[in-house]
Amino acid sequence: MHEMAITQSILDISKKVGEEHGAKRIKEVRIKVGEYSGVVPQCVRYYFDVISKGTICEGAVLNIMKLPVKIYCNNCNEEFEISRYHVKCPKCAGTDIKMTQGREFYIESLEVE
């Protein structure tokens, strides 16, 4: 149920930034979510609709873009996009890898009026 706290943070940040820039309302919040972030986008959307009522974010669209998992293979010295359930190098099958993308969760931008 950590999505509620995450969603509250999204709302707080969006309201603060919008108000700092004189926005009358927030039309869209663009969010990037890594495949391994542990965040469930459907829950975030639901909670956002509920807790944004009566704020400048009410009715805003949450545009959530999922980021794939990328790894860097220390054997091949190359970066690859992998599936969530296949965590080894697709070229050499090595496991000496480092995740370079996939855990992110951040607000990319806001569209305001």
PDB file of N, CA and C in Angstrom:
ATOM      1  N   MET A   1       0.823  -1.197   0.000  1.00  0.00           N
ATOM      2  CA  MET A   1       0.000   0.000   0.000  1.00  0.00           C
ATOM      3  C   MET A   1       0.866   1.259   0.000  1.00  0.00           C
ATOM      4  N   HIS A   2       2.126   1.141  -0.350  1.00  0.00           N
ATOM      5  CA  HIS A   2       2.997   2.304  -0.395  1.00  0.00           C
ATOM      6  C   HIS A   2       2.625   3.251  -1.525  1.00  0.00           C
ATOM      7  N   GLU A   3       1.752   2.816  -2.458  1.00  0.00           N
ATOM      8  CA  GLU A   3       1.330   3.681  -3.545  1.00  0.00           C
ATOM      9  C   GLU A   3       0.590   4.914  -3.035  1.00  0.00           C
ATOM     10  N   MET A   4      -0.119   4.796  -1.918  1.00  0.00           N
ATOM     11  CA  MET A   4      -0.839   5.951  -1.368  1.00  0.00           C
ATOM     12  C   MET A   4       0.145   7.038  -0.960  1.00  0.00           C
ATOM     13  N   ALA A   5       1.201   6.664  -0.267  1.00  0.00           N
ATOM     14  CA  ALA A   5       2.209   7.644   0.153  1.00  0.00           C
ATOM     15  C   ALA A   5       2.925   8.233  -1.062  1.00  0.00           C
ATOM     16  N   ILE A   6       3.232   7.395  -2.028  1.00  0.00           N
ATOM     17  CA  ILE A   6       3.880   7.861  -3.255  1.00  0.00           C
ATOM     18  C   ILE A   6       2.972   8.848  -3.985  1.00  0.00           C
ATOM     19  N   THR A   7       1.698   8.502  -4.076  1.00  0.00           N
ATOM     20  CA  THR A   7       0.741   9.361  -4.765  1.00  0.00           C
ATOM     21  C   THR A   7       0.575  10.687  -4.046  1.00  0.00           C
ATOM     22  N   GLN A   8       0.584  10.651  -2.725  1.00  0.00           N
ATOM     23  CA  GLN A   8       0.497  11.900  -1.959  1.00  0.00           C
ATOM     24  C   GLN A   8       1.692  12.793  -2.269  1.00  0.00           C
ATOM     25  N   SER A   9       2.864  12.197  -2.401  1.00  0.00           N
ATOM     26  CA  SER A   9       4.064  12.974  -2.755  1.00  0.00           C
ATOM     27  C   SER A   9       3.938  13.581  -4.154  1.00  0.00           C
ATOM     28  N   ILE A  10       3.416  12.797  -5.093  1.00  0.00           N
ATOM     29  CA  ILE A  10       3.210  13.316  -6.454  1.00  0.00           C
ATOM     30  C   ILE A  10       2.274  14.525  -6.414  1.00  0.00           C
ATOM     31  N   LEU A  11       1.195  14.394  -5.662  1.00  0.00           N
ATOM     32  CA  LEU A  11       0.233  15.492  -5.539  1.00  0.00           C
ATOM     33  C   LEU A  11       0.872  16.709  -4.883  1.00  0.00           C
ATOM     34  N   ASP A  12       1.583  16.497  -3.789  1.00  0.00           N
ATOM     35  CA  ASP A  12       2.217  17.620  -3.075  1.00  0.00           C
ATOM     36  C   ASP A  12       3.212  18.361  -3.965  1.00  0.00           C
ATOM     37  N   ILE A  13       4.047  17.611  -4.671  1.00  0.00           N
ATOM     38  CA  ILE A  13       5.047  18.230  -5.557  1.00  0.00           C
ATOM     39  C   ILE A  13       4.359  18.968  -6.696  1.00  0.00           C
ATOM     40  N   SER A  14       3.360  18.344  -7.294  1.00  0.00           N
ATOM     41  CA  SER A  14       2.656  18.963  -8.422  1.00  0.00           C
ATOM     42  C   SER A  14       1.975  20.256  -8.001  1.00  0.00           C
ATOM     43  N   LYS A  15       1.297  20.231  -6.855  1.00  0.00           N
ATOM     44  CA  LYS A  15       0.637  21.440  -6.356  1.00  0.00           C
ATOM     45  C   LYS A  15       1.655  22.541  -6.079  1.00  0.00           C
ATOM     46  N   LYS A  16       2.732  22.183  -5.421  1.00  0.00           N
ATOM     47  CA  LYS A  16       3.746  23.176  -5.054  1.00  0.00           C
ATOM     48  C   LYS A  16       4.360  23.823  -6.296  1.00  0.00           C
ATOM     49  N   VAL A  17       4.759  23.004  -7.253  1.00  0.00           N
ATOM     50  CA  VAL A  17       5.377  23.540  -8.474  1.00  0.00           C
ATOM     51  C   VAL A  17       4.357  24.369  -9.263  1.00  0.00           C
ATOM     52  N   GLY A  18       3.141  23.861  -9.367  1.00  0.00           N
ATOM     53  CA  GLY A  18       2.103  24.604 -10.076  1.00  0.00           C
ATOM     54  C   GLY A  18       1.839  25.949  -9.440  1.00  0.00           C
ATOM     55  N   GLU A  19       1.688  25.976  -8.132  1.00  0.00           N
ATOM     56  CA  GLU A  19       1.430  27.225  -7.423  1.00  0.00           C
ATOM     57  C   GLU A  19       2.605  28.191  -7.532  1.00  0.00           C
ATOM     58  N   GLU A  20       3.831  27.672  -7.473  1.00  0.00           N
ATOM     59  CA  GLU A  20       5.016  28.526  -7.613  1.00  0.00           C
ATOM     60  C   GLU A  20       5.072  29.201  -8.976  1.00  0.00           C
ATOM     61  N   HIS A  21       4.471  28.575  -9.982  1.00  0.00           N
ATOM     62  CA  HIS A  21       4.493  29.121 -11.343  1.00  0.00           C
ATOM     63  C   HIS A  21       3.161  29.768 -11.732  1.00  0.00           C
ATOM     64  N   GLY A  22       2.307  29.997 -10.753  1.00  0.00           N
ATOM     65  CA  GLY A  22       1.055  30.704 -10.994  1.00  0.00           C
ATOM     66  C   GLY A  22       0.022  29.931 -11.795  1.00  0.00           C
ATOM     67  N   ALA A  23       0.086  28.625 -11.764  1.00  0.00           N
ATOM     68  CA  ALA A  23      -0.866  27.804 -12.524  1.00  0.00           C
ATOM     69  C   ALA A  23      -2.257  27.879 -11.897  1.00  0.00           C
ATOM     70  N   LYS A  24      -3.257  27.947 -12.765  1.00  0.00           N
ATOM     71  CA  LYS A  24      -4.640  27.901 -12.291  1.00  0.00           C
ATOM     72  C   LYS A  24      -5.056  26.461 -12.054  1.00  0.00           C
ATOM     73  N   ARG A  25      -4.508  25.580 -12.906  1.00  0.00           N
ATOM     74  CA  ARG A  25      -4.791  24.157 -12.729  1.00  0.00           C
ATOM     75  C   ARG A  25      -3.717  23.337 -13.421  1.00  0.00           C
ATOM     76  N   ILE A  26      -3.536  22.137 -12.926  1.00  0.00           N
ATOM     77  CA  ILE A  26      -2.607  21.175 -13.528  1.00  0.00           C
ATOM     78  C   ILE A  26      -3.435  20.305 -14.465  1.00  0.00           C
ATOM     79  N   LYS A  27      -3.036  20.259 -15.742  1.00  0.00           N
ATOM     80  CA  LYS A  27      -3.775  19.468 -16.727  1.00  0.00           C
ATOM     81  C   LYS A  27      -3.227  18.051 -16.859  1.00  0.00           C
ATOM     82  N   GLU A  28      -1.896  17.929 -16.731  1.00  0.00           N
ATOM     83  CA  GLU A  28      -1.273  16.617 -16.913  1.00  0.00           C
ATOM     84  C   GLU A  28      -0.001  16.525 -16.070  1.00  0.00           C
ATOM     85  N   VAL A  29       0.207  15.350 -15.509  1.00  0.00           N
ATOM     86  CA  VAL A  29       1.432  15.056 -14.767  1.00  0.00           C
ATOM     87  C   VAL A  29       2.082  13.871 -15.472  1.00  0.00           C
ATOM     88  N   ARG A  30       3.301  14.081 -15.971  1.00  0.00           N
ATOM     89  CA  ARG A  30       4.022  13.021 -16.680  1.00  0.00           C
ATOM     90  C   ARG A  30       5.031  12.390 -15.725  1.00  0.00           C
ATOM     91  N   ILE A  31       4.891  11.077 -15.574  1.00  0.00           N
ATOM     92  CA  ILE A  31       5.702  10.334 -14.609  1.00  0.00           C
ATOM     93  C   ILE A  31       6.437   9.217 -15.335  1.00  0.00           C
ATOM     94  N   LYS A  32       7.679   8.972 -14.925  1.00  0.00           N
ATOM     95  CA  LYS A  32       8.449   7.838 -15.445  1.00  0.00           C
ATOM     96  C   LYS A  32       8.605   6.829 -14.314  1.00  0.00           C
ATOM     97  N   VAL A  33       8.316   5.561 -14.641  1.00  0.00           N
ATOM     98  CA  VAL A  33       8.346   4.484 -13.658  1.00  0.00           C
ATOM     99  C   VAL A  33       9.151   3.321 -14.216  1.00  0.00           C
ATOM    100  N   GLY A  34      10.211   2.944 -13.536  1.00  0.00           N
ATOM    101  CA  GLY A  34      11.014   1.796 -13.942  1.00  0.00           C
ATOM    102  C   GLY A  34      10.285   0.494 -13.672  1.00  0.00           C
ATOM    103  N   GLU A  35      10.535  -0.471 -14.516  1.00  0.00           N
ATOM    104  CA  GLU A  35       9.909  -1.791 -14.428  1.00  0.00           C
ATOM    105  C   GLU A  35      10.148  -2.446 -13.062  1.00  0.00           C
ATOM    106  N   TYR A  36      11.293  -2.172 -12.429  1.00  0.00           N
ATOM    107  CA  TYR A  36      11.619  -2.746 -11.113  1.00  0.00           C
ATOM    108  C   TYR A  36      11.363  -1.782  -9.953  1.00  0.00           C
ATOM    109  N   SER A  37      10.631  -0.710 -10.182  1.00  0.00           N
ATOM    110  CA  SER A  37      10.413   0.282  -9.123  1.00  0.00           C
ATOM    111  C   SER A  37       9.494  -0.228  -8.016  1.00  0.00           C
ATOM    112  N   GLY A  38       8.666  -1.209  -8.339  1.00  0.00           N
ATOM    113  CA  GLY A  38       7.719  -1.728  -7.360  1.00  0.00           C
ATOM    114  C   GLY A  38       6.439  -0.922  -7.281  1.00  0.00           C
ATOM    115  N   VAL A  39       6.289   0.072  -8.158  1.00  0.00           N
ATOM    116  CA  VAL A  39       5.106   0.923  -8.158  1.00  0.00           C
ATOM    117  C   VAL A  39       4.059   0.346  -9.119  1.00  0.00           C
ATOM    118  N   VAL A  40       2.811   0.308  -8.667  1.00  0.00           N
ATOM    119  CA  VAL A  40       1.707  -0.194  -9.493  1.00  0.00           C
ATOM    120  C   VAL A  40       0.967   1.024 -10.060  1.00  0.00           C
ATOM    121  N   PRO A  41       1.159   1.304 -11.366  1.00  0.00           N
ATOM    122  CA  PRO A  41       0.564   2.502 -11.965  1.00  0.00           C
ATOM    123  C   PRO A  41      -0.950   2.630 -11.779  1.00  0.00           C
ATOM    124  N   GLN A  42      -1.685   1.532 -11.860  1.00  0.00           N
ATOM    125  CA  GLN A  42      -3.138   1.596 -11.709  1.00  0.00           C
ATOM    126  C   GLN A  42      -3.530   2.117 -10.325  1.00  0.00           C
ATOM    127  N   CYS A  43      -2.797   1.706  -9.318  1.00  0.00           N
ATOM    128  CA  CYS A  43      -3.077   2.172  -7.955  1.00  0.00           C
ATOM    129  C   CYS A  43      -2.779   3.662  -7.820  1.00  0.00           C
ATOM    130  N   VAL A  44      -1.672   4.086  -8.401  1.00  0.00           N
ATOM    131  CA  VAL A  44      -1.301   5.505  -8.342  1.00  0.00           C
ATOM    132  C   VAL A  44      -2.388   6.346  -9.019  1.00  0.00           C
ATOM    133  N   ARG A  45      -2.860   5.910 -10.186  1.00  0.00           N
ATOM    134  CA  ARG A  45      -3.925   6.644 -10.881  1.00  0.00           C
ATOM    135  C   ARG A  45      -5.193   6.738 -10.019  1.00  0.00           C
ATOM    136  N   TYR A  46      -5.567   5.622  -9.440  1.00  0.00           N
ATOM    137  CA  TYR A  46      -6.775   5.598  -8.609  1.00  0.00           C
ATOM    138  C   TYR A  46      -6.634   6.559  -7.423  1.00  0.00           C
ATOM    139  N   TYR A  47      -5.544   6.427  -6.674  1.00  0.00           N
ATOM    140  CA  TYR A  47      -5.347   7.278  -5.506  1.00  0.00           C
ATOM    141  C   TYR A  47      -5.256   8.753  -5.899  1.00  0.00           C
ATOM    142  N   PHE A  48      -4.608   9.042  -7.022  1.00  0.00           N
ATOM    143  CA  PHE A  48      -4.471  10.431  -7.461  1.00  0.00           C
ATOM    144  C   PHE A  48      -5.848  11.046  -7.715  1.00  0.00           C
ATOM    145  N   ASP A  49      -6.723  10.309  -8.391  1.00  0.00           N
ATOM    146  CA  ASP A  49      -8.080  10.808  -8.649  1.00  0.00           C
ATOM    147  C   ASP A  49      -8.819  11.102  -7.351  1.00  0.00           C
ATOM    148  N   VAL A  50      -8.621  10.260  -6.355  1.00  0.00           N
ATOM    149  CA  VAL A  50      -9.320  10.422  -5.073  1.00  0.00           C
ATOM    150  C   VAL A  50      -8.757  11.603  -4.282  1.00  0.00           C
ATOM    151  N   ILE A  51      -7.435  11.666  -4.110  1.00  0.00           N
ATOM    152  CA  ILE A  51      -6.861  12.681  -3.207  1.00  0.00           C
ATOM    153  C   ILE A  51      -6.660  14.046  -3.858  1.00  0.00           C
ATOM    154  N   SER A  52      -6.788  14.134  -5.187  1.00  0.00           N
ATOM    155  CA  SER A  52      -6.604  15.434  -5.841  1.00  0.00           C
ATOM    156  C   SER A  52      -7.881  16.272  -5.860  1.00  0.00           C
ATOM    157  N   LYS A  53      -8.998  15.704  -5.453  1.00  0.00           N
ATOM    158  CA  LYS A  53     -10.270  16.443  -5.452  1.00  0.00           C
ATOM    159  C   LYS A  53     -10.142  17.717  -4.608  1.00  0.00           C
ATOM    160  N   GLY A  54     -10.616  18.822  -5.173  1.00  0.00           N
ATOM    161  CA  GLY A  54     -10.571  20.097  -4.470  1.00  0.00           C
ATOM    162  C   GLY A  54      -9.239  20.815  -4.553  1.00  0.00           C
ATOM    163  N   THR A  55      -8.299  20.303  -5.346  1.00  0.00           N
ATOM    164  CA  THR A  55      -6.985  20.945  -5.509  1.00  0.00           C
ATOM    165  C   THR A  55      -6.824  21.386  -6.967  1.00  0.00           C
ATOM    166  N   ILE A  56      -5.744  22.079  -7.256  1.00  0.00           N
ATOM    167  CA  ILE A  56      -5.487  22.491  -8.647  1.00  0.00           C
ATOM    168  C   ILE A  56      -5.146  21.290  -9.530  1.00  0.00           C
ATOM    169  N   CYS A  57      -4.980  20.137  -8.944  1.00  0.00           N
ATOM    170  CA  CYS A  57      -4.671  18.916  -9.699  1.00  0.00           C
ATOM    171  C   CYS A  57      -5.919  18.091 -10.023  1.00  0.00           C
ATOM    172  N   GLU A  58      -7.055  18.499  -9.510  1.00  0.00           N
ATOM    173  CA  GLU A  58      -8.275  17.724  -9.768  1.00  0.00           C
ATOM    174  C   GLU A  58      -8.520  17.630 -11.278  1.00  0.00           C
ATOM    175  N   GLY A  59      -8.742  16.425 -11.750  1.00  0.00           N
ATOM    176  CA  GLY A  59      -9.001  16.188 -13.170  1.00  0.00           C
ATOM    177  C   GLY A  59      -7.752  16.051 -14.024  1.00  0.00           C
ATOM    178  N   ALA A  60      -6.589  16.215 -13.422  1.00  0.00           N
ATOM    179  CA  ALA A  60      -5.342  16.086 -14.197  1.00  0.00           C
ATOM    180  C   ALA A  60      -5.170  14.650 -14.675  1.00  0.00           C
ATOM    181  N   VAL A  61      -4.595  14.527 -15.857  1.00  0.00           N
ATOM    182  CA  VAL A  61      -4.290  13.215 -16.414  1.00  0.00           C
ATOM    183  C   VAL A  61      -2.917  12.801 -15.906  1.00  0.00           C
ATOM    184  N   LEU A  62      -2.807  11.570 -15.414  1.00  0.00           N
ATOM    185  CA  LEU A  62      -1.496  11.021 -15.047  1.00  0.00           C
ATOM    186  C   LEU A  62      -1.002  10.227 -16.240  1.00  0.00           C
ATOM    187  N   ASN A  63       0.039  10.697 -16.859  1.00  0.00           N
ATOM    188  CA  ASN A  63       0.644  10.008 -17.997  1.00  0.00           C
ATOM    189  C   ASN A  63       1.857   9.262 -17.447  1.00  0.00           C
ATOM    190  N   ILE A  64       1.704   7.960 -17.275  1.00  0.00           N
ATOM    191  CA  ILE A  64       2.758   7.155 -16.657  1.00  0.00           C
ATOM    192  C   ILE A  64       3.465   6.338 -17.732  1.00  0.00           C
ATOM    193  N   MET A  65       4.742   6.640 -17.923  1.00  0.00           N
ATOM    194  CA  MET A  65       5.546   5.928 -18.910  1.00  0.00           C
ATOM    195  C   MET A  65       6.432   4.916 -18.193  1.00  0.00           C
ATOM    196  N   LYS A  66       6.306   3.654 -18.587  1.00  0.00           N
ATOM    197  CA  LYS A  66       7.132   2.605 -17.986  1.00  0.00           C
ATOM    198  C   LYS A  66       8.492   2.562 -18.671  1.00  0.00           C
ATOM    199  N   LEU A  67       9.536   2.510 -17.856  1.00  0.00           N
ATOM    200  CA  LEU A  67      10.901   2.394 -18.361  1.00  0.00           C
ATOM    201  C   LEU A  67      11.345   0.941 -18.265  1.00  0.00           C
ATOM    202  N   PRO A  68      11.890   0.411 -19.356  1.00  0.00           N
ATOM    203  CA  PRO A  68      12.337  -0.984 -19.332  1.00  0.00           C
ATOM    204  C   PRO A  68      13.595  -1.152 -18.482  1.00  0.00           C
ATOM    205  N   VAL A  69      13.891  -2.390 -18.172  1.00  0.00           N
ATOM    206  CA  VAL A  69      15.102  -2.709 -17.427  1.00  0.00           C
ATOM    207  C   VAL A  69      16.269  -2.770 -18.413  1.00  0.00           C
ATOM    208  N   LYS A  70      17.348  -2.073 -18.067  1.00  0.00           N
ATOM    209  CA  LYS A  70      18.576  -2.135 -18.856  1.00  0.00           C
ATOM    210  C   LYS A  70      19.704  -2.575 -17.937  1.00  0.00           C
ATOM    211  N   ILE A  71      20.592  -3.372 -18.507  1.00  0.00           N
ATOM    212  CA  ILE A  71      21.755  -3.838 -17.749  1.00  0.00           C
ATOM    213  C   ILE A  71      23.032  -3.516 -18.515  1.00  0.00           C
ATOM    214  N   TYR A  72      24.104  -3.410 -17.765  1.00  0.00           N
ATOM    215  CA  TYR A  72      25.435  -3.293 -18.352  1.00  0.00           C
ATOM    216  C   TYR A  72      26.162  -4.577 -18.011  1.00  0.00           C
ATOM    217  N   CYS A  73      26.680  -5.253 -19.038  1.00  0.00           N
ATOM    218  CA  CYS A  73      27.411  -6.496 -18.825  1.00  0.00           C
ATOM    219  C   CYS A  73      28.896  -6.180 -18.682  1.00  0.00           C
ATOM    220  N   ASN A  74      29.469  -6.564 -17.557  1.00  0.00           N
ATOM    221  CA  ASN A  74      30.896  -6.328 -17.325  1.00  0.00           C
ATOM    222  C   ASN A  74      31.784  -7.246 -18.163  1.00  0.00           C
ATOM    223  N   ASN A  75      31.214  -8.341 -18.681  1.00  0.00           N
ATOM    224  CA  ASN A  75      31.984  -9.236 -19.555  1.00  0.00           C
ATOM    225  C   ASN A  75      32.046  -8.696 -20.980  1.00  0.00           C
ATOM    226  N   CYS A  76      30.908  -8.268 -21.509  1.00  0.00           N
ATOM    227  CA  CYS A  76      30.811  -7.783 -22.896  1.00  0.00           C
ATOM    228  C   CYS A  76      31.089  -6.291 -23.016  1.00  0.00           C
ATOM    229  N   ASN A  77      31.007  -5.578 -21.888  1.00  0.00           N
ATOM    230  CA  ASN A  77      31.121  -4.119 -21.877  1.00  0.00           C
ATOM    231  C   ASN A  77      30.083  -3.456 -22.773  1.00  0.00           C
ATOM    232  N   GLU A  78      28.864  -4.001 -22.726  1.00  0.00           N
ATOM    233  CA  GLU A  78      27.760  -3.450 -23.505  1.00  0.00           C
ATOM    234  C   GLU A  78      26.524  -3.346 -22.630  1.00  0.00           C
ATOM    235  N   GLU A  79      25.610  -2.465 -23.066  1.00  0.00           N
ATOM    236  CA  GLU A  79      24.344  -2.289 -22.361  1.00  0.00           C
ATOM    237  C   GLU A  79      23.230  -2.930 -23.176  1.00  0.00           C
ATOM    238  N   PHE A  80      22.307  -3.583 -22.469  1.00  0.00           N
ATOM    239  CA  PHE A  80      21.207  -4.279 -23.123  1.00  0.00           C
ATOM    240  C   PHE A  80      19.911  -3.993 -22.385  1.00  0.00           C
ATOM    241  N   GLU A  81      18.810  -3.988 -23.124  1.00  0.00           N
ATOM    242  CA  GLU A  81      17.486  -3.966 -22.533  1.00  0.00           C
ATOM    243  C   GLU A  81      17.091  -5.427 -22.345  1.00  0.00           C
ATOM    244  N   ILE A  82      16.608  -5.743 -21.168  1.00  0.00           N
ATOM    245  CA  ILE A  82      16.221  -7.134 -20.896  1.00  0.00           C
ATOM    246  C   ILE A  82      14.789  -7.183 -20.395  1.00  0.00           C
ATOM    247  N   SER A  83      14.212  -8.361 -20.427  1.00  0.00           N
ATOM    248  CA  SER A  83      12.876  -8.530 -19.861  1.00  0.00           C
ATOM    249  C   SER A  83      12.997  -8.564 -18.346  1.00  0.00           C
ATOM    250  N   ARG A  84      11.907  -8.297 -17.714  1.00  0.00           N
ATOM    251  CA  ARG A  84      11.868  -8.242 -16.246  1.00  0.00           C
ATOM    252  C   ARG A  84      12.308  -9.549 -15.610  1.00  0.00           C
ATOM    253  N   TYR A  85      12.077 -10.656 -16.276  1.00  0.00           N
ATOM    254  CA  TYR A  85      12.337 -11.968 -15.676  1.00  0.00           C
ATOM    255  C   TYR A  85      13.590 -12.656 -16.224  1.00  0.00           C
ATOM    256  N   HIS A  86      14.332 -11.985 -17.078  1.00  0.00           N
ATOM    257  CA  HIS A  86      15.533 -12.573 -17.673  1.00  0.00           C
ATOM    258  C   HIS A  86      16.716 -11.705 -17.267  1.00  0.00           C
ATOM    259  N   VAL A  87      17.358 -12.027 -16.159  1.00  0.00           N
ATOM    260  CA  VAL A  87      18.384 -11.143 -15.609  1.00  0.00           C
ATOM    261  C   VAL A  87      19.801 -11.667 -15.821  1.00  0.00           C
ATOM    262  N   LYS A  88      20.112 -11.927 -17.075  1.00  0.00           N
ATOM    263  CA  LYS A  88      21.498 -12.217 -17.434  1.00  0.00           C
ATOM    264  C   LYS A  88      21.750 -11.629 -18.813  1.00  0.00           C
ATOM    265  N   CYS A  89      23.004 -11.539 -19.175  1.00  0.00           N
ATOM    266  CA  CYS A  89      23.386 -10.916 -20.434  1.00  0.00           C
ATOM    267  C   CYS A  89      22.830 -11.722 -21.619  1.00  0.00           C
ATOM    268  N   PRO A  90      22.123 -11.050 -22.524  1.00  0.00           N
ATOM    269  CA  PRO A  90      21.581 -11.768 -23.678  1.00  0.00           C
ATOM    270  C   PRO A  90      22.648 -12.156 -24.709  1.00  0.00           C
ATOM    271  N   LYS A  91      23.832 -11.557 -24.600  1.00  0.00           N
ATOM    272  CA  LYS A  91      24.897 -11.849 -25.563  1.00  0.00           C
ATOM    273  C   LYS A  91      25.773 -13.006 -25.113  1.00  0.00           C
ATOM    274  N   CYS A  92      26.247 -12.946 -23.852  1.00  0.00           N
ATOM    275  CA  CYS A  92      27.192 -13.975 -23.377  1.00  0.00           C
ATOM    276  C   CYS A  92      26.615 -14.858 -22.271  1.00  0.00           C
ATOM    277  N   ALA A  93      25.385 -14.563 -21.850  1.00  0.00           N
ATOM    278  CA  ALA A  93      24.709 -15.286 -20.756  1.00  0.00           C
ATOM    279  C   ALA A  93      25.409 -15.082 -19.412  1.00  0.00           C
ATOM    280  N   GLY A  94      26.278 -14.083 -19.343  1.00  0.00           N
ATOM    281  CA  GLY A  94      26.977 -13.787 -18.099  1.00  0.00           C
ATOM    282  C   GLY A  94      26.062 -13.165 -17.060  1.00  0.00           C
ATOM    283  N   THR A  95      26.476 -13.311 -15.820  1.00  0.00           N
ATOM    284  CA  THR A  95      25.688 -12.746 -14.723  1.00  0.00           C
ATOM    285  C   THR A  95      26.424 -11.625 -13.992  1.00  0.00           C
ATOM    286  N   ASP A  96      27.595 -11.242 -14.509  1.00  0.00           N
ATOM    287  CA  ASP A  96      28.338 -10.121 -13.935  1.00  0.00           C
ATOM    288  C   ASP A  96      27.784  -8.842 -14.570  1.00  0.00           C
ATOM    289  N   ILE A  97      26.615  -8.445 -14.077  1.00  0.00           N
ATOM    290  CA  ILE A  97      25.886  -7.342 -14.695  1.00  0.00           C
ATOM    291  C   ILE A  97      25.534  -6.280 -13.657  1.00  0.00           C
ATOM    292  N   LYS A  98      25.219  -5.103 -14.158  1.00  0.00           N
ATOM    293  CA  LYS A  98      24.781  -4.003 -13.308  1.00  0.00           C
ATOM    294  C   LYS A  98      23.536  -3.400 -13.948  1.00  0.00           C
ATOM    295  N   MET A  99      22.491  -3.211 -13.158  1.00  0.00           N
ATOM    296  CA  MET A  99      21.282  -2.586 -13.676  1.00  0.00           C
ATOM    297  C   MET A  99      21.530  -1.084 -13.838  1.00  0.00           C
ATOM    298  N   THR A 100      21.292  -0.574 -15.030  1.00  0.00           N
ATOM    299  CA  THR A 100      21.502   0.846 -15.306  1.00  0.00           C
ATOM    300  C   THR A 100      20.187   1.607 -15.446  1.00  0.00           C
ATOM    301  N   GLN A 101      19.097   0.894 -15.612  1.00  0.00           N
ATOM    302  CA  GLN A 101      17.776   1.519 -15.698  1.00  0.00           C
ATOM    303  C   GLN A 101      16.732   0.506 -15.263  1.00  0.00           C
ATOM    304  N   GLY A 102      15.689   1.005 -14.615  1.00  0.00           N
ATOM    305  CA  GLY A 102      14.599   0.117 -14.245  1.00  0.00           C
ATOM    306  C   GLY A 102      14.048   0.332 -12.852  1.00  0.00           C
ATOM    307  N   ARG A 103      14.760   1.103 -12.029  1.00  0.00           N
ATOM    308  CA  ARG A 103      14.281   1.358 -10.665  1.00  0.00           C
ATOM    309  C   ARG A 103      13.760   2.784 -10.482  1.00  0.00           C
ATOM    310  N   GLU A 104      13.777   3.566 -11.545  1.00  0.00           N
ATOM    311  CA  GLU A 104      13.406   4.976 -11.453  1.00  0.00           C
ATOM    312  C   GLU A 104      11.931   5.168 -11.096  1.00  0.00           C
ATOM    313  N   PHE A 105      11.678   6.309 -10.494  1.00  0.00           N
ATOM    314  CA  PHE A 105      10.311   6.771 -10.280  1.00  0.00           C
ATOM    315  C   PHE A 105      10.410   8.269 -10.054  1.00  0.00           C
ATOM    316  N   TYR A 106       9.929   9.053 -11.013  1.00  0.00           N
ATOM    317  CA  TYR A 106      10.018  10.506 -10.873  1.00  0.00           C
ATOM    318  C   TYR A 106       8.992  11.223 -11.750  1.00  0.00           C
ATOM    319  N   ILE A 107       8.699  12.456 -11.367  1.00  0.00           N
ATOM    320  CA  ILE A 107       7.849  13.318 -12.177  1.00  0.00           C
ATOM    321  C   ILE A 107       8.743  13.922 -13.245  1.00  0.00           C
ATOM    322  N   GLU A 108       8.387  13.695 -14.483  1.00  0.00           N
ATOM    323  CA  GLU A 108       9.175  14.244 -15.582  1.00  0.00           C
ATOM    324  C   GLU A 108       8.772  15.690 -15.891  1.00  0.00           C
ATOM    325  N   SER A 109       7.458  15.941 -15.949  1.00  0.00           N
ATOM    326  CA  SER A 109       6.990  17.284 -16.274  1.00  0.00           C
ATOM    327  C   SER A 109       5.523  17.447 -15.931  1.00  0.00           C
ATOM    328  N   LEU A 110       5.084  18.688 -15.927  1.00  0.00           N
ATOM    329  CA  LEU A 110       3.692  19.035 -15.683  1.00  0.00           C
ATOM    330  C   LEU A 110       3.198  19.894 -16.844  1.00  0.00           C
ATOM    331  N   GLU A 111       1.946  19.717 -17.197  1.00  0.00           N
ATOM    332  CA  GLU A 111       1.305  20.626 -18.142  1.00  0.00           C
ATOM    333  C   GLU A 111       0.287  21.413 -17.337  1.00  0.00           C
ATOM    334  N   VAL A 112       0.412  22.724 -17.388  1.00  0.00           N
ATOM    335  CA  VAL A 112      -0.444  23.590 -16.563  1.00  0.00           C
ATOM    336  C   VAL A 112      -1.205  24.578 -17.418  1.00  0.00           C
ATOM    337  N   GLU A 113      -2.169  25.189 -16.799  1.00  0.00           N
ATOM    338  CA  GLU A 113      -2.932  26.254 -17.459  1.00  0.00           C
ATOM    339  C   GLU A 113      -2.895  27.492 -16.620  1.00  0.00           C
TER     340      GLU A 113
END
